[in-house]
Amino acid sequence: VLAAAAATRSFLASALHPPVPEASIKEPAAVVELPIPPVQLEPPLALLGHTGPVTCCAVFPDGEQLLTGSEDTTCIVWSQTGGTVRKLLGHQSCVTYCAVFPSGNQAITLAAEEGAIIWSCASGEQLARISDAHCCEIFPLGDRVLLGVAGSDAVIVESSGEQFAVLSGHASRVISCTVFPNSNWVLTGSEDEDGIIWSSEGHTMRVLRGHKGAI
């Protein structure tokens, strides 16, 4: 009886788990790494005109033109096809910031070592010069610009160059600034380690403290 039971178990094990022929066991396929040749991508459009590195750029609101600033102290307005529309000459040091006002009629450029210039995009004429500006940011809505200037103040200036508001509240130089997307508030950072949120009319809304260094 015991022999019969053992034989039955052996038969069932063979039926449920049949041996795999050695020929059916395959080694994993080797991974072949094919060389990928380098692809040389040509720029769709080259803007040739600056004699130094380009440090900043801005697209006009209508998308038809482009403004660039360079270490060569110049700014250039370009057409969509890459042609030079106009050169803006007036800075004596590296241009670090450029932007076009929402109307598309004026632009502003900043050379951190000397100040900012507001330009007429149509003629290239200098409309205003803001001396000792350290930082700059265009309002997304409305033709105004926020700048950190000499001393410890920031100013809001119209695209015509007329001063709209003075923001006084920092104890040291304003070195960074930005405008909220709705254009109702602005934020300035200073070497005094504080940030200040202001209304677009220049009123202090909130002082942000906590940094251990210049902002």
N, C-alpha and C. Protein backbone atom coordinates (compact mmCIF):
# COMPACT_ATOMS: atom_id res chain seq x y z
N VAL A 1 0.85 -1.21 0.00
CA VAL A 1 0.00 0.00 0.00
C VAL A 1 0.87 1.23 0.00
N LEU A 2 1.92 1.24 0.86
CA LEU A 2 2.80 2.41 0.91
C LEU A 2 3.50 2.61 -0.42
N ALA A 3 3.91 1.54 -1.05
CA ALA A 3 4.58 1.64 -2.34
C ALA A 3 3.64 2.21 -3.38
N ALA A 4 2.37 1.79 -3.32
CA ALA A 4 1.38 2.28 -4.29
C ALA A 4 1.15 3.76 -4.10
N ALA A 5 1.09 4.22 -2.82
CA ALA A 5 0.86 5.64 -2.53
C ALA A 5 2.03 6.47 -3.04
N ALA A 6 3.26 6.01 -2.83
CA ALA A 6 4.44 6.75 -3.28
C ALA A 6 4.45 6.86 -4.79
N ALA A 7 4.08 5.80 -5.45
CA ALA A 7 4.05 5.81 -6.91
C ALA A 7 3.03 6.81 -7.42
N THR A 8 1.87 6.88 -6.69
CA THR A 8 0.81 7.83 -7.10
C THR A 8 1.29 9.26 -6.96
N ARG A 9 1.98 9.57 -5.83
CA ARG A 9 2.49 10.94 -5.62
C ARG A 9 3.52 11.31 -6.69
N SER A 10 4.36 10.37 -7.05
CA SER A 10 5.38 10.63 -8.07
C SER A 10 4.74 10.90 -9.41
N PHE A 11 3.66 10.13 -9.72
CA PHE A 11 2.97 10.33 -10.99
C PHE A 11 2.32 11.71 -11.05
N LEU A 12 1.66 12.11 -9.92
CA LEU A 12 0.99 13.41 -9.90
C LEU A 12 2.00 14.55 -10.02
N ALA A 13 3.13 14.44 -9.33
CA ALA A 13 4.15 15.49 -9.39
C ALA A 13 4.67 15.65 -10.81
N SER A 14 4.88 14.54 -11.50
CA SER A 14 5.37 14.61 -12.87
C SER A 14 4.34 15.22 -13.80
N ALA A 15 3.06 14.93 -13.55
CA ALA A 15 2.01 15.45 -14.41
C ALA A 15 1.82 16.96 -14.22
N LEU A 16 1.90 17.39 -12.94
CA LEU A 16 1.68 18.81 -12.66
C LEU A 16 2.91 19.65 -12.96
N HIS A 17 4.09 19.13 -12.79
CA HIS A 17 5.33 19.89 -13.00
C HIS A 17 6.26 19.10 -13.90
N PRO A 18 5.96 19.01 -15.16
CA PRO A 18 6.81 18.22 -16.06
C PRO A 18 8.18 18.85 -16.18
N PRO A 19 9.22 18.07 -16.31
CA PRO A 19 10.59 18.61 -16.47
C PRO A 19 10.71 19.41 -17.77
N VAL A 20 11.48 20.53 -17.70
CA VAL A 20 11.68 21.38 -18.87
C VAL A 20 12.90 20.89 -19.61
N PRO A 21 12.75 20.60 -20.88
CA PRO A 21 13.92 20.14 -21.65
C PRO A 21 15.00 21.21 -21.68
N GLU A 22 16.25 20.78 -21.60
CA GLU A 22 17.35 21.74 -21.58
C GLU A 22 17.36 22.59 -22.83
N ALA A 23 16.94 22.05 -23.92
CA ALA A 23 16.97 22.79 -25.19
C ALA A 23 16.01 23.98 -25.18
N SER A 24 14.96 23.91 -24.32
CA SER A 24 13.96 25.00 -24.30
C SER A 24 14.36 26.13 -23.38
N ILE A 25 15.43 25.98 -22.59
CA ILE A 25 15.89 27.04 -21.69
C ILE A 25 16.82 27.96 -22.47
N LYS A 26 16.41 29.23 -22.64
CA LYS A 26 17.18 30.16 -23.45
C LYS A 26 17.92 31.16 -22.56
N GLU A 27 19.13 31.46 -22.96
CA GLU A 27 19.89 32.49 -22.27
C GLU A 27 19.32 33.86 -22.64
N PRO A 28 19.35 34.82 -21.70
CA PRO A 28 18.86 36.16 -22.05
C PRO A 28 19.67 36.77 -23.18
N ALA A 29 18.97 37.46 -24.04
CA ALA A 29 19.64 38.06 -25.20
C ALA A 29 20.61 39.13 -24.76
N ALA A 30 21.73 39.19 -25.41
CA ALA A 30 22.73 40.21 -25.09
C ALA A 30 22.23 41.58 -25.54
N VAL A 31 22.52 42.59 -24.72
CA VAL A 31 22.13 43.96 -25.06
C VAL A 31 23.21 44.57 -25.94
N VAL A 32 22.79 45.00 -27.10
CA VAL A 32 23.73 45.59 -28.05
C VAL A 32 23.53 47.10 -28.05
N GLU A 33 24.57 47.83 -27.71
CA GLU A 33 24.50 49.29 -27.72
C GLU A 33 24.97 49.81 -29.06
N LEU A 34 24.04 50.43 -29.78
CA LEU A 34 24.38 50.96 -31.09
C LEU A 34 24.87 52.39 -30.94
N PRO A 35 25.93 52.76 -31.59
CA PRO A 35 26.42 54.14 -31.50
C PRO A 35 25.42 55.12 -32.11
N ILE A 36 25.19 56.23 -31.41
CA ILE A 36 24.29 57.26 -31.91
C ILE A 36 25.13 58.41 -32.44
N PRO A 37 25.05 58.66 -33.71
CA PRO A 37 25.88 59.74 -34.27
C PRO A 37 25.43 61.10 -33.75
N PRO A 38 26.35 62.03 -33.50
CA PRO A 38 25.96 63.37 -33.05
C PRO A 38 25.14 64.09 -34.11
N VAL A 39 24.17 64.85 -33.64
CA VAL A 39 23.30 65.59 -34.56
C VAL A 39 23.67 67.07 -34.48
N GLN A 40 23.98 67.63 -35.59
CA GLN A 40 24.30 69.05 -35.65
C GLN A 40 23.03 69.83 -35.98
N LEU A 41 22.53 70.58 -34.98
CA LEU A 41 21.31 71.35 -35.17
C LEU A 41 21.66 72.79 -35.52
N GLU A 42 21.18 73.24 -36.64
CA GLU A 42 21.40 74.62 -37.04
C GLU A 42 20.28 75.49 -36.48
N PRO A 43 20.63 76.67 -35.92
CA PRO A 43 19.57 77.55 -35.43
C PRO A 43 18.67 77.98 -36.57
N PRO A 44 17.35 78.06 -36.33
CA PRO A 44 16.44 78.45 -37.41
C PRO A 44 16.69 79.88 -37.88
N LEU A 45 17.27 80.71 -37.00
CA LEU A 45 17.52 82.09 -37.37
C LEU A 45 18.66 82.64 -36.53
N ALA A 46 19.66 83.18 -37.14
CA ALA A 46 20.80 83.76 -36.43
C ALA A 46 20.70 85.27 -36.49
N LEU A 47 20.80 85.91 -35.31
CA LEU A 47 20.77 87.36 -35.23
C LEU A 47 22.20 87.85 -35.09
N LEU A 48 22.73 88.39 -36.16
CA LEU A 48 24.13 88.79 -36.20
C LEU A 48 24.22 90.31 -36.21
N GLY A 49 24.89 90.85 -35.19
CA GLY A 49 25.00 92.31 -35.13
C GLY A 49 25.74 92.79 -33.91
N HIS A 50 25.65 92.06 -32.81
CA HIS A 50 26.38 92.41 -31.60
C HIS A 50 27.85 91.99 -31.74
N THR A 51 28.71 92.71 -31.04
CA THR A 51 30.13 92.37 -31.04
C THR A 51 30.56 91.75 -29.71
N GLY A 52 29.62 91.56 -28.80
CA GLY A 52 29.88 90.93 -27.51
C GLY A 52 28.74 89.99 -27.18
N PRO A 53 28.88 89.20 -26.09
CA PRO A 53 27.82 88.27 -25.69
C PRO A 53 26.49 88.98 -25.44
N VAL A 54 25.41 88.34 -25.85
CA VAL A 54 24.06 88.85 -25.59
C VAL A 54 23.69 88.48 -24.15
N THR A 55 23.28 89.46 -23.37
CA THR A 55 23.01 89.26 -21.94
C THR A 55 21.53 89.26 -21.59
N CYS A 56 20.68 89.76 -22.47
CA CYS A 56 19.24 89.82 -22.16
C CYS A 56 18.46 89.97 -23.47
N CYS A 57 17.18 89.63 -23.41
CA CYS A 57 16.34 89.78 -24.60
C CYS A 57 14.88 89.91 -24.18
N ALA A 58 14.09 90.48 -25.05
CA ALA A 58 12.66 90.66 -24.78
C ALA A 58 11.91 90.65 -26.11
N VAL A 59 10.73 90.04 -26.10
CA VAL A 59 9.88 89.98 -27.29
C VAL A 59 8.83 91.09 -27.21
N PHE A 60 8.58 91.76 -28.31
CA PHE A 60 7.55 92.78 -28.35
C PHE A 60 6.18 92.14 -28.13
N PRO A 61 5.24 92.89 -27.54
CA PRO A 61 3.91 92.31 -27.25
C PRO A 61 3.21 91.71 -28.47
N ASP A 62 3.42 92.29 -29.65
CA ASP A 62 2.76 91.75 -30.84
C ASP A 62 3.52 90.59 -31.47
N GLY A 63 4.68 90.26 -30.90
CA GLY A 63 5.45 89.14 -31.40
C GLY A 63 6.17 89.40 -32.71
N GLU A 64 6.15 90.63 -33.19
CA GLU A 64 6.73 90.93 -34.50
C GLU A 64 8.20 91.32 -34.43
N GLN A 65 8.67 91.75 -33.25
CA GLN A 65 10.04 92.19 -33.14
C GLN A 65 10.66 91.66 -31.85
N LEU A 66 11.99 91.76 -31.78
CA LEU A 66 12.74 91.27 -30.63
C LEU A 66 13.77 92.32 -30.25
N LEU A 67 13.99 92.48 -28.94
CA LEU A 67 14.98 93.41 -28.43
C LEU A 67 16.06 92.63 -27.69
N THR A 68 17.32 92.93 -27.97
CA THR A 68 18.42 92.27 -27.26
C THR A 68 19.37 93.33 -26.69
N GLY A 69 20.03 92.97 -25.58
CA GLY A 69 21.06 93.80 -24.98
C GLY A 69 22.34 93.00 -24.87
N SER A 70 23.47 93.68 -24.85
CA SER A 70 24.74 92.97 -24.95
C SER A 70 25.82 93.60 -24.08
N GLU A 71 26.87 92.81 -23.88
CA GLU A 71 28.06 93.32 -23.21
C GLU A 71 28.76 94.40 -24.03
N ASP A 72 28.42 94.50 -25.31
CA ASP A 72 29.05 95.53 -26.15
C ASP A 72 28.44 96.91 -25.93
N THR A 73 27.54 97.03 -24.93
CA THR A 73 26.88 98.27 -24.49
C THR A 73 25.71 98.70 -25.38
N THR A 74 25.42 97.94 -26.43
CA THR A 74 24.34 98.34 -27.34
C THR A 74 23.11 97.46 -27.15
N CYS A 75 21.99 97.96 -27.65
CA CYS A 75 20.75 97.18 -27.76
C CYS A 75 20.30 97.23 -29.22
N ILE A 76 19.69 96.15 -29.66
CA ILE A 76 19.25 96.07 -31.06
C ILE A 76 17.81 95.60 -31.11
N VAL A 77 17.01 96.27 -31.93
CA VAL A 77 15.66 95.82 -32.24
C VAL A 77 15.74 95.04 -33.55
N TRP A 78 15.21 93.81 -33.54
CA TRP A 78 15.28 92.91 -34.69
C TRP A 78 13.88 92.64 -35.24
N SER A 79 13.83 92.38 -36.53
CA SER A 79 12.59 91.94 -37.15
C SER A 79 12.45 90.43 -37.00
N GLN A 80 11.30 89.90 -37.36
CA GLN A 80 11.07 88.46 -37.29
C GLN A 80 12.02 87.68 -38.20
N THR A 81 12.48 88.31 -39.25
CA THR A 81 13.35 87.63 -40.21
C THR A 81 14.82 87.77 -39.86
N GLY A 82 15.13 88.46 -38.74
CA GLY A 82 16.51 88.60 -38.30
C GLY A 82 17.20 89.85 -38.76
N GLY A 83 16.47 90.72 -39.43
CA GLY A 83 17.07 91.97 -39.88
C GLY A 83 17.13 92.99 -38.75
N THR A 84 18.13 93.86 -38.79
CA THR A 84 18.27 94.91 -37.78
C THR A 84 17.30 96.04 -38.10
N VAL A 85 16.37 96.28 -37.18
CA VAL A 85 15.42 97.39 -37.35
C VAL A 85 16.04 98.69 -36.85
N ARG A 86 16.71 98.58 -35.69
CA ARG A 86 17.25 99.80 -35.07
C ARG A 86 18.26 99.44 -34.01
N LYS A 87 19.32 100.23 -33.90
CA LYS A 87 20.27 100.10 -32.81
C LYS A 87 20.01 101.20 -31.80
N LEU A 88 20.04 100.83 -30.51
CA LEU A 88 19.83 101.79 -29.43
C LEU A 88 21.19 102.03 -28.77
N LEU A 89 21.72 103.22 -28.97
CA LEU A 89 23.05 103.57 -28.49
C LEU A 89 22.94 104.62 -27.40
N GLY A 90 23.53 104.36 -26.26
CA GLY A 90 23.45 105.32 -25.17
C GLY A 90 24.11 104.85 -23.89
N HIS A 91 24.22 103.54 -23.72
CA HIS A 91 24.89 103.00 -22.55
C HIS A 91 26.40 102.99 -22.76
N GLN A 92 27.11 103.02 -21.65
CA GLN A 92 28.57 102.99 -21.68
C GLN A 92 29.13 101.74 -21.03
N SER A 93 28.26 100.84 -20.56
CA SER A 93 28.69 99.60 -19.94
C SER A 93 27.72 98.48 -20.32
N CYS A 94 28.01 97.29 -19.85
CA CYS A 94 27.22 96.10 -20.20
C CYS A 94 25.74 96.29 -19.89
N VAL A 95 24.89 95.98 -20.85
CA VAL A 95 23.43 96.04 -20.66
C VAL A 95 22.99 94.75 -19.99
N THR A 96 22.36 94.86 -18.84
CA THR A 96 21.99 93.67 -18.05
C THR A 96 20.50 93.36 -18.06
N TYR A 97 19.68 94.28 -18.55
CA TYR A 97 18.22 94.06 -18.54
C TYR A 97 17.61 94.85 -19.69
N CYS A 98 16.62 94.27 -20.34
CA CYS A 98 15.84 95.00 -21.33
C CYS A 98 14.42 94.49 -21.32
N ALA A 99 13.47 95.35 -21.62
CA ALA A 99 12.06 94.97 -21.63
C ALA A 99 11.30 95.97 -22.51
N VAL A 100 10.18 95.51 -23.02
CA VAL A 100 9.31 96.35 -23.84
C VAL A 100 8.01 96.58 -23.07
N PHE A 101 7.56 97.82 -23.01
CA PHE A 101 6.32 98.12 -22.33
C PHE A 101 5.14 97.46 -23.05
N PRO A 102 4.05 97.16 -22.30
CA PRO A 102 2.92 96.45 -22.91
C PRO A 102 2.34 97.11 -24.17
N SER A 103 2.44 98.43 -24.27
CA SER A 103 1.93 99.10 -25.46
C SER A 103 2.79 98.83 -26.69
N GLY A 104 4.05 98.43 -26.46
CA GLY A 104 4.96 98.21 -27.57
C GLY A 104 5.58 99.48 -28.11
N ASN A 105 5.25 100.62 -27.53
CA ASN A 105 5.75 101.90 -28.04
C ASN A 105 7.07 102.33 -27.41
N GLN A 106 7.34 101.85 -26.20
CA GLN A 106 8.57 102.21 -25.50
C GLN A 106 9.26 100.95 -24.99
N ALA A 107 10.55 101.09 -24.79
CA ALA A 107 11.35 100.01 -24.21
C ALA A 107 12.24 100.61 -23.13
N ILE A 108 12.72 99.76 -22.23
CA ILE A 108 13.64 100.20 -21.20
C ILE A 108 14.83 99.25 -21.16
N THR A 109 16.01 99.81 -20.99
CA THR A 109 17.22 99.02 -20.87
C THR A 109 17.97 99.48 -19.62
N LEU A 110 18.72 98.55 -19.03
CA LEU A 110 19.43 98.85 -17.79
C LEU A 110 20.87 98.38 -17.91
N ALA A 111 21.78 99.27 -17.57
CA ALA A 111 23.18 98.92 -17.38
C ALA A 111 23.45 99.14 -15.90
N ALA A 112 23.66 98.06 -15.17
CA ALA A 112 23.67 98.14 -13.71
C ALA A 112 24.72 99.10 -13.17
N GLU A 113 25.74 99.38 -13.93
CA GLU A 113 26.80 100.25 -13.44
C GLU A 113 26.48 101.74 -13.64
N GLU A 114 25.41 102.04 -14.42
CA GLU A 114 25.16 103.45 -14.71
C GLU A 114 23.70 103.88 -14.60
N GLY A 115 22.75 103.01 -14.94
CA GLY A 115 21.35 103.38 -14.84
C GLY A 115 20.52 102.84 -15.99
N ALA A 116 19.30 103.35 -16.09
CA ALA A 116 18.34 102.86 -17.09
C ALA A 116 18.00 103.95 -18.09
N ILE A 117 17.60 103.51 -19.28
CA ILE A 117 17.16 104.43 -20.32
C ILE A 117 15.82 103.95 -20.86
N ILE A 118 14.86 104.86 -20.99
CA ILE A 118 13.59 104.58 -21.65
C ILE A 118 13.68 105.11 -23.08
N TRP A 119 13.32 104.26 -24.05
CA TRP A 119 13.48 104.58 -25.46
C TRP A 119 12.14 104.62 -26.18
N SER A 120 12.07 105.39 -27.24
CA SER A 120 10.97 105.30 -28.19
C SER A 120 11.31 104.18 -29.16
N CYS A 121 10.43 103.19 -29.25
CA CYS A 121 10.71 102.07 -30.15
C CYS A 121 10.61 102.49 -31.62
N ALA A 122 9.80 103.51 -31.90
CA ALA A 122 9.61 103.93 -33.28
C ALA A 122 10.82 104.69 -33.83
N SER A 123 11.41 105.55 -32.99
CA SER A 123 12.50 106.40 -33.47
C SER A 123 13.86 106.07 -32.88
N GLY A 124 13.90 105.34 -31.77
CA GLY A 124 15.16 105.08 -31.10
C GLY A 124 15.62 106.23 -30.23
N GLU A 125 14.76 107.21 -30.06
CA GLU A 125 15.09 108.38 -29.24
C GLU A 125 15.07 108.03 -27.75
N GLN A 126 15.98 108.62 -27.00
CA GLN A 126 15.97 108.47 -25.55
C GLN A 126 14.90 109.39 -24.97
N LEU A 127 13.92 108.79 -24.27
CA LEU A 127 12.83 109.58 -23.67
C LEU A 127 13.17 109.99 -22.24
N ALA A 128 13.92 109.16 -21.54
CA ALA A 128 14.28 109.47 -20.16
C ALA A 128 15.47 108.63 -19.76
N ARG A 129 16.23 109.14 -18.81
CA ARG A 129 17.35 108.41 -18.24
C ARG A 129 17.21 108.43 -16.73
N ILE A 130 17.24 107.27 -16.10
CA ILE A 130 17.13 107.14 -14.64
C ILE A 130 18.51 106.73 -14.12
N SER A 131 19.20 107.67 -13.50
CA SER A 131 20.57 107.42 -13.05
C SER A 131 20.60 106.49 -11.84
N ASP A 132 21.68 105.76 -11.73
CA ASP A 132 21.95 104.91 -10.56
C ASP A 132 20.86 103.88 -10.29
N ALA A 133 20.19 103.41 -11.33
CA ALA A 133 19.20 102.34 -11.16
C ALA A 133 19.94 101.01 -11.03
N HIS A 134 19.54 100.19 -10.06
CA HIS A 134 20.22 98.92 -9.80
C HIS A 134 19.41 97.71 -10.27
N CYS A 135 18.10 97.86 -10.32
CA CYS A 135 17.22 96.76 -10.74
C CYS A 135 16.00 97.37 -11.39
N CYS A 136 15.26 96.55 -12.13
CA CYS A 136 14.19 97.10 -12.96
C CYS A 136 13.19 96.00 -13.29
N GLU A 137 11.91 96.35 -13.31
CA GLU A 137 10.87 95.37 -13.69
C GLU A 137 9.67 96.11 -14.27
N ILE A 138 9.24 95.66 -15.45
CA ILE A 138 8.07 96.25 -16.13
C ILE A 138 6.78 95.77 -15.45
N PHE A 139 5.76 96.63 -15.38
CA PHE A 139 4.43 96.22 -14.94
C PHE A 139 3.77 95.42 -16.06
N PRO A 140 3.21 94.23 -15.77
CA PRO A 140 2.54 93.46 -16.82
C PRO A 140 1.34 94.18 -17.42
N LEU A 141 0.68 95.00 -16.60
CA LEU A 141 -0.49 95.76 -17.05
C LEU A 141 -0.21 97.25 -16.86
N GLY A 142 -0.37 98.01 -17.91
CA GLY A 142 -0.11 99.44 -17.80
C GLY A 142 1.33 99.76 -18.12
N ASP A 143 1.57 100.95 -18.63
CA ASP A 143 2.92 101.32 -19.07
C ASP A 143 3.70 102.01 -17.96
N ARG A 144 4.10 101.22 -16.98
CA ARG A 144 4.92 101.70 -15.87
C ARG A 144 6.06 100.72 -15.61
N VAL A 145 7.06 101.20 -14.89
CA VAL A 145 8.21 100.36 -14.57
C VAL A 145 8.64 100.65 -13.14
N LEU A 146 9.09 99.61 -12.45
CA LEU A 146 9.59 99.71 -11.08
C LEU A 146 11.11 99.63 -11.11
N LEU A 147 11.77 100.57 -10.40
CA LEU A 147 13.23 100.58 -10.38
C LEU A 147 13.74 100.81 -8.97
N GLY A 148 14.82 100.12 -8.62
CA GLY A 148 15.57 100.44 -7.42
C GLY A 148 16.63 101.46 -7.79
N VAL A 149 16.69 102.57 -7.07
CA VAL A 149 17.56 103.68 -7.46
C VAL A 149 18.53 104.02 -6.33
N ALA A 150 19.23 105.14 -6.51
CA ALA A 150 20.24 105.57 -5.55
C ALA A 150 19.64 105.75 -4.17
N GLY A 151 20.48 105.58 -3.15
CA GLY A 151 20.01 105.67 -1.78
C GLY A 151 19.30 104.39 -1.38
N SER A 152 18.16 104.52 -0.74
CA SER A 152 17.42 103.34 -0.27
C SER A 152 16.00 103.31 -0.82
N ASP A 153 15.76 104.05 -1.89
CA ASP A 153 14.41 104.16 -2.45
C ASP A 153 14.23 103.29 -3.69
N ALA A 154 12.97 103.05 -4.01
CA ALA A 154 12.57 102.54 -5.32
C ALA A 154 11.59 103.55 -5.90
N VAL A 155 11.44 103.55 -7.20
CA VAL A 155 10.52 104.48 -7.84
C VAL A 155 9.67 103.74 -8.86
N ILE A 156 8.47 104.24 -9.08
CA ILE A 156 7.62 103.78 -10.17
C ILE A 156 7.58 104.91 -11.19
N VAL A 157 7.91 104.59 -12.43
CA VAL A 157 8.05 105.59 -13.48
C VAL A 157 7.14 105.24 -14.64
N GLU A 158 6.49 106.26 -15.23
CA GLU A 158 5.68 106.07 -16.43
C GLU A 158 6.59 105.79 -17.62
N SER A 159 6.01 105.21 -18.67
CA SER A 159 6.81 104.92 -19.86
C SER A 159 7.31 106.20 -20.53
N SER A 160 6.69 107.33 -20.22
CA SER A 160 7.15 108.61 -20.75
C SER A 160 8.38 109.12 -20.02
N GLY A 161 8.71 108.50 -18.89
CA GLY A 161 9.82 108.95 -18.07
C GLY A 161 9.38 109.74 -16.85
N GLU A 162 8.10 110.07 -16.79
CA GLU A 162 7.59 110.86 -15.65
C GLU A 162 7.49 109.97 -14.41
N GLN A 163 7.97 110.49 -13.28
CA GLN A 163 7.93 109.73 -12.03
C GLN A 163 6.52 109.69 -11.48
N PHE A 164 6.06 108.48 -11.13
CA PHE A 164 4.70 108.30 -10.63
C PHE A 164 4.67 108.19 -9.11
N ALA A 165 5.62 107.47 -8.52
CA ALA A 165 5.62 107.29 -7.06
C ALA A 165 7.03 106.98 -6.58
N VAL A 166 7.31 107.40 -5.34
CA VAL A 166 8.56 107.07 -4.67
C VAL A 166 8.25 106.11 -3.54
N LEU A 167 8.99 105.00 -3.45
CA LEU A 167 8.77 103.98 -2.42
C LEU A 167 9.90 104.09 -1.40
N SER A 168 9.63 104.71 -0.28
CA SER A 168 10.63 104.93 0.77
C SER A 168 10.29 104.08 1.98
N GLY A 169 11.23 103.27 2.43
CA GLY A 169 10.98 102.40 3.57
C GLY A 169 12.15 101.52 3.92
N HIS A 170 13.02 101.28 2.94
CA HIS A 170 14.21 100.48 3.21
C HIS A 170 15.28 101.32 3.90
N ALA A 171 16.19 100.64 4.59
CA ALA A 171 17.28 101.32 5.27
C ALA A 171 18.58 101.27 4.47
N SER A 172 18.56 100.55 3.36
CA SER A 172 19.76 100.45 2.52
C SER A 172 19.32 100.29 1.07
N ARG A 173 20.28 100.11 0.19
CA ARG A 173 20.03 100.11 -1.24
C ARG A 173 19.09 98.99 -1.68
N VAL A 174 18.16 99.30 -2.57
CA VAL A 174 17.25 98.32 -3.16
C VAL A 174 17.99 97.65 -4.32
N ILE A 175 18.15 96.33 -4.25
CA ILE A 175 18.93 95.62 -5.26
C ILE A 175 18.11 94.58 -6.04
N SER A 176 16.85 94.37 -5.67
CA SER A 176 16.00 93.45 -6.43
C SER A 176 14.57 93.94 -6.36
N CYS A 177 13.80 93.65 -7.39
CA CYS A 177 12.39 94.08 -7.40
C CYS A 177 11.61 93.24 -8.40
N THR A 178 10.32 93.14 -8.16
CA THR A 178 9.44 92.44 -9.08
C THR A 178 8.04 92.99 -8.93
N VAL A 179 7.20 92.74 -9.93
CA VAL A 179 5.82 93.22 -9.94
C VAL A 179 4.89 92.02 -9.97
N PHE A 180 3.86 92.03 -9.13
CA PHE A 180 2.89 90.93 -9.11
C PHE A 180 2.15 90.88 -10.44
N PRO A 181 1.68 89.68 -10.86
CA PRO A 181 1.03 89.55 -12.17
C PRO A 181 -0.17 90.46 -12.37
N ASN A 182 -0.90 90.78 -11.27
CA ASN A 182 -2.07 91.65 -11.42
C ASN A 182 -1.71 93.12 -11.44
N SER A 183 -0.43 93.43 -11.25
CA SER A 183 0.09 94.80 -11.25
C SER A 183 -0.42 95.65 -10.09
N ASN A 184 -1.10 95.05 -9.11
CA ASN A 184 -1.60 95.81 -7.97
C ASN A 184 -0.58 95.95 -6.85
N TRP A 185 0.41 95.05 -6.83
CA TRP A 185 1.44 95.09 -5.79
C TRP A 185 2.81 94.90 -6.41
N VAL A 186 3.82 95.41 -5.70
CA VAL A 186 5.20 95.20 -6.11
C VAL A 186 5.99 94.75 -4.89
N LEU A 187 7.13 94.14 -5.14
CA LEU A 187 7.98 93.64 -4.06
C LEU A 187 9.40 94.12 -4.31
N THR A 188 10.03 94.64 -3.25
CA THR A 188 11.43 95.07 -3.35
C THR A 188 12.26 94.33 -2.32
N GLY A 189 13.51 94.06 -2.67
CA GLY A 189 14.47 93.46 -1.75
C GLY A 189 15.66 94.39 -1.61
N SER A 190 16.30 94.35 -0.44
CA SER A 190 17.33 95.34 -0.14
C SER A 190 18.54 94.74 0.55
N GLU A 191 19.61 95.51 0.57
CA GLU A 191 20.79 95.13 1.34
C GLU A 191 20.53 95.19 2.84
N ASP A 192 19.38 95.78 3.26
CA ASP A 192 19.04 95.82 4.69
C ASP A 192 18.42 94.51 5.17
N GLU A 193 18.36 93.49 4.27
CA GLU A 193 17.86 92.14 4.58
C GLU A 193 16.34 92.06 4.66
N ASP A 194 15.63 93.13 4.32
CA ASP A 194 14.17 93.13 4.35
C ASP A 194 13.60 93.08 2.94
N GLY A 195 12.41 92.49 2.84
CA GLY A 195 11.59 92.61 1.64
C GLY A 195 10.36 93.43 2.00
N ILE A 196 9.89 94.24 1.08
CA ILE A 196 8.69 95.05 1.34
C ILE A 196 7.71 94.88 0.18
N ILE A 197 6.46 94.59 0.54
CA ILE A 197 5.38 94.57 -0.44
C ILE A 197 4.71 95.94 -0.42
N TRP A 198 4.56 96.52 -1.59
CA TRP A 198 3.96 97.85 -1.73
C TRP A 198 2.72 97.76 -2.62
N SER A 199 1.82 98.71 -2.44
CA SER A 199 0.74 98.85 -3.41
C SER A 199 1.31 99.51 -4.67
N SER A 200 0.59 99.44 -5.75
CA SER A 200 1.08 100.03 -7.00
C SER A 200 1.09 101.55 -6.93
N GLU A 201 0.50 102.12 -5.86
CA GLU A 201 0.56 103.57 -5.66
C GLU A 201 1.73 103.96 -4.76
N GLY A 202 2.46 102.95 -4.23
CA GLY A 202 3.64 103.25 -3.44
C GLY A 202 3.43 103.17 -1.94
N HIS A 203 2.30 102.62 -1.47
CA HIS A 203 2.05 102.50 -0.04
C HIS A 203 2.58 101.16 0.48
N THR A 204 3.19 101.19 1.68
CA THR A 204 3.72 99.97 2.28
C THR A 204 2.58 99.07 2.71
N MET A 205 2.59 97.81 2.23
CA MET A 205 1.56 96.84 2.59
C MET A 205 2.06 95.86 3.65
N ARG A 206 3.32 95.42 3.53
CA ARG A 206 3.85 94.45 4.48
C ARG A 206 5.38 94.43 4.39
N VAL A 207 6.02 94.31 5.55
CA VAL A 207 7.47 94.17 5.62
C VAL A 207 7.79 92.71 5.91
N LEU A 208 8.67 92.12 5.11
CA LEU A 208 9.02 90.71 5.24
C LEU A 208 10.42 90.61 5.84
N ARG A 209 10.51 90.08 7.06
CA ARG A 209 11.79 89.96 7.74
C ARG A 209 12.10 88.50 8.04
N GLY A 210 13.38 88.16 8.02
CA GLY A 210 13.79 86.79 8.30
C GLY A 210 15.08 86.40 7.61
N HIS A 211 15.44 87.10 6.54
CA HIS A 211 16.69 86.80 5.86
C HIS A 211 17.89 87.25 6.69
N LYS A 212 19.01 86.61 6.47
CA LYS A 212 20.25 86.95 7.17
C LYS A 212 21.28 87.49 6.18
N GLY A 213 20.81 88.07 5.13
CA GLY A 213 21.70 88.65 4.13
C GLY A 213 20.90 89.51 3.18
N ALA A 214 21.58 90.15 2.28
CA ALA A 214 20.92 91.02 1.30
C ALA A 214 19.98 90.21 0.42
N ILE A 215 18.89 90.82 0.02
CA ILE A 215 17.87 90.18 -0.81
C ILE A 215 17.98 90.74 -2.22
